[in-house]
Amino acid sequence: MDVIKQFFTKELPTHLQNLPIPESLEGFSKLSQDEWKSLAPFLMCGFLFFLYSVRIFLSVITPSPKRRINKSVKLHESKVVDSCSIDTDFTKAPDVEKLVFCRCWKSSKWPMCDGSHVKHNKETGDNLGPLIVKKA
């Protein structure tokens, strides 16, 4: 820790005081090659800080790209749709032959599917689809 303390309290301030920083922009044109070499690390740090700041700013104002939700299930299919039959009488809705459940979490009628996965699939190349439960 003493080495780090000495660097920040003695060596770095001394080095910074000895940097050839001109008082105007015109003074930069009069710097020698050795003076430019001594300024180069600080100019690079400033430039990298600027680029990093711009990157953060752009990530805040630019919407993130649409990404796939499904990363492992039946990727070779254009749309993943599963169905199964169940032995029940659908007592709450006797006239219903099938129930279609959302699996993309984008439905405005969740947990029922409203087809929102279609837009998502077009935007991202994903292959999400609903779960269809049919009356046996």
Protein backbone atom coordinates (compact mmCIF):
# COMPACT_ATOMS: atom_id res chain seq x y z
CA MET A 1 0.00 0.00 0.00
CA ASP A 2 2.91 2.35 0.64
CA VAL A 3 3.96 2.11 -3.01
CA ILE A 4 0.48 3.12 -4.18
CA LYS A 5 0.29 5.93 -1.63
CA GLN A 6 3.68 7.26 -2.72
CA PHE A 7 2.66 7.11 -6.39
CA PHE A 8 -0.52 9.14 -5.86
CA THR A 9 0.86 11.60 -3.31
CA LYS A 10 4.34 12.30 -4.69
CA GLU A 11 5.18 10.87 -8.09
CA LEU A 12 1.95 11.59 -9.97
CA PRO A 13 1.62 15.23 -8.80
CA THR A 14 5.27 15.87 -9.68
CA HIS A 15 4.79 14.32 -13.10
CA LEU A 16 1.59 16.32 -13.72
CA GLN A 17 3.31 19.57 -12.74
CA ASN A 18 6.07 18.90 -15.26
CA LEU A 19 3.73 18.28 -18.20
CA PRO A 20 4.16 20.78 -21.04
CA ILE A 21 0.57 22.02 -21.20
CA PRO A 22 0.34 25.15 -23.34
CA GLU A 23 -1.80 28.08 -22.26
CA SER A 24 -3.62 28.30 -25.61
CA LEU A 25 -4.54 26.03 -28.51
CA GLU A 26 -1.90 27.76 -30.60
CA GLY A 27 0.73 26.59 -28.10
CA PHE A 28 0.10 22.95 -29.06
CA SER A 29 1.58 23.62 -32.49
CA LYS A 30 4.83 24.73 -30.85
CA LEU A 31 5.34 21.56 -28.76
CA SER A 32 8.43 19.47 -29.51
CA GLN A 33 8.26 15.76 -30.28
CA ASP A 34 9.42 14.86 -26.75
CA GLU A 35 6.76 17.11 -25.22
CA TRP A 36 4.07 15.39 -27.32
CA LYS A 37 5.36 12.00 -26.13
CA SER A 38 5.01 13.07 -22.51
CA LEU A 39 1.44 14.32 -23.16
CA ALA A 40 0.36 11.25 -25.18
CA PRO A 41 -0.76 9.02 -22.25
CA PHE A 42 -2.95 11.77 -20.80
CA LEU A 43 -4.40 12.69 -24.18
CA MET A 44 -5.23 9.02 -24.81
CA CYS A 45 -6.90 8.71 -21.40
CA GLY A 46 -8.94 11.83 -22.13
CA PHE A 47 -9.90 10.52 -25.57
CA LEU A 48 -10.93 7.11 -24.18
CA PHE A 49 -12.94 8.81 -21.44
CA PHE A 50 -14.70 10.87 -24.10
CA LEU A 51 -15.50 7.78 -26.21
CA TYR A 52 -16.78 5.88 -23.18
CA SER A 53 -18.99 8.84 -22.22
CA VAL A 54 -20.43 9.03 -25.73
CA ARG A 55 -21.09 5.29 -25.68
CA ILE A 56 -22.97 5.56 -22.38
CA PHE A 57 -24.95 8.55 -23.65
CA LEU A 58 -25.90 6.76 -26.87
CA SER A 59 -26.96 3.64 -24.99
CA VAL A 60 -29.32 5.78 -22.91
CA ILE A 61 -30.95 7.57 -25.86
CA THR A 62 -30.94 4.63 -28.31
CA PRO A 63 -33.39 1.80 -27.75
CA SER A 64 -31.78 -1.58 -27.33
CA PRO A 65 -32.15 -3.96 -30.26
CA LYS A 66 -34.92 -6.53 -30.16
CA ARG A 67 -33.59 -9.86 -29.00
CA ARG A 68 -34.84 -13.40 -29.14
CA ILE A 69 -36.65 -14.69 -26.11
CA ASN A 70 -36.43 -18.33 -27.11
CA LYS A 71 -32.80 -19.43 -27.22
CA SER A 72 -33.08 -23.20 -26.99
CA VAL A 73 -36.50 -24.70 -27.77
CA LYS A 74 -37.11 -26.07 -31.29
CA LEU A 75 -35.01 -23.41 -32.99
CA HIS A 76 -35.25 -25.23 -36.33
CA GLU A 77 -39.02 -24.58 -36.50
CA SER A 78 -40.49 -21.34 -37.86
CA LYS A 79 -42.86 -21.10 -34.88
CA VAL A 80 -43.01 -23.18 -31.71
CA VAL A 81 -46.60 -24.28 -31.08
CA ASP A 82 -47.38 -27.14 -28.73
CA SER A 83 -50.77 -28.69 -28.18
CA CYS A 84 -52.17 -31.38 -25.95
CA SER A 85 -55.57 -32.87 -25.24
CA ILE A 86 -56.92 -33.02 -21.75
CA ASP A 87 -59.77 -35.02 -20.29
CA THR A 88 -61.92 -32.31 -18.80
CA ASP A 89 -65.30 -30.89 -19.51
CA PHE A 90 -64.19 -27.25 -19.55
CA THR A 91 -66.97 -26.61 -17.03
CA LYS A 92 -66.40 -22.85 -16.94
CA ALA A 93 -66.66 -22.55 -20.72
CA PRO A 94 -68.48 -25.59 -22.16
CA ASP A 95 -68.67 -24.14 -25.69
CA VAL A 96 -64.88 -23.66 -25.91
CA GLU A 97 -63.05 -26.33 -27.90
CA LYS A 98 -59.52 -25.09 -27.18
CA LEU A 99 -57.61 -22.64 -25.01
CA VAL A 100 -54.62 -20.73 -26.39
CA PHE A 101 -52.07 -19.62 -23.77
CA CYS A 102 -49.37 -16.99 -24.22
CA ARG A 103 -45.73 -18.05 -23.90
CA CYS A 104 -44.05 -14.83 -25.04
CA TRP A 105 -45.16 -12.59 -22.15
CA LYS A 106 -46.18 -9.89 -24.61
CA SER A 107 -49.94 -10.53 -24.76
CA SER A 108 -52.29 -7.75 -23.67
CA LYS A 109 -54.77 -10.50 -22.69
CA TRP A 110 -52.23 -12.54 -20.73
CA PRO A 111 -52.38 -15.43 -19.84
CA MET A 112 -54.35 -15.89 -23.05
CA CYS A 113 -52.58 -15.40 -26.38
CA ASP A 114 -53.52 -12.38 -28.49
CA GLY A 115 -51.01 -13.02 -31.29
CA SER A 116 -48.39 -10.53 -30.02
CA HIS A 117 -45.69 -13.13 -30.70
CA VAL A 118 -46.18 -12.65 -34.47
CA LYS A 119 -44.81 -9.08 -34.39
CA HIS A 120 -42.01 -10.11 -32.03
CA ASN A 121 -41.04 -13.02 -34.32
CA LYS A 122 -40.89 -10.72 -37.38
CA GLU A 123 -38.73 -8.15 -35.54
CA THR A 124 -36.27 -10.61 -34.01
CA GLY A 125 -36.30 -13.77 -36.11
CA ASP A 126 -37.56 -15.63 -33.05
CA ASN A 127 -39.99 -18.54 -33.28
CA LEU A 128 -42.25 -18.12 -30.28
CA GLY A 129 -45.80 -19.43 -30.38
CA PRO A 130 -48.66 -20.22 -27.99
CA LEU A 131 -49.59 -23.30 -26.00
CA ILE A 132 -52.85 -24.71 -27.33
CA VAL A 133 -54.93 -26.92 -25.05
CA LYS A 134 -57.71 -28.80 -26.88
CA LYS A 135 -60.79 -30.46 -25.48
CA ALA A 136 -60.46 -34.24 -25.79
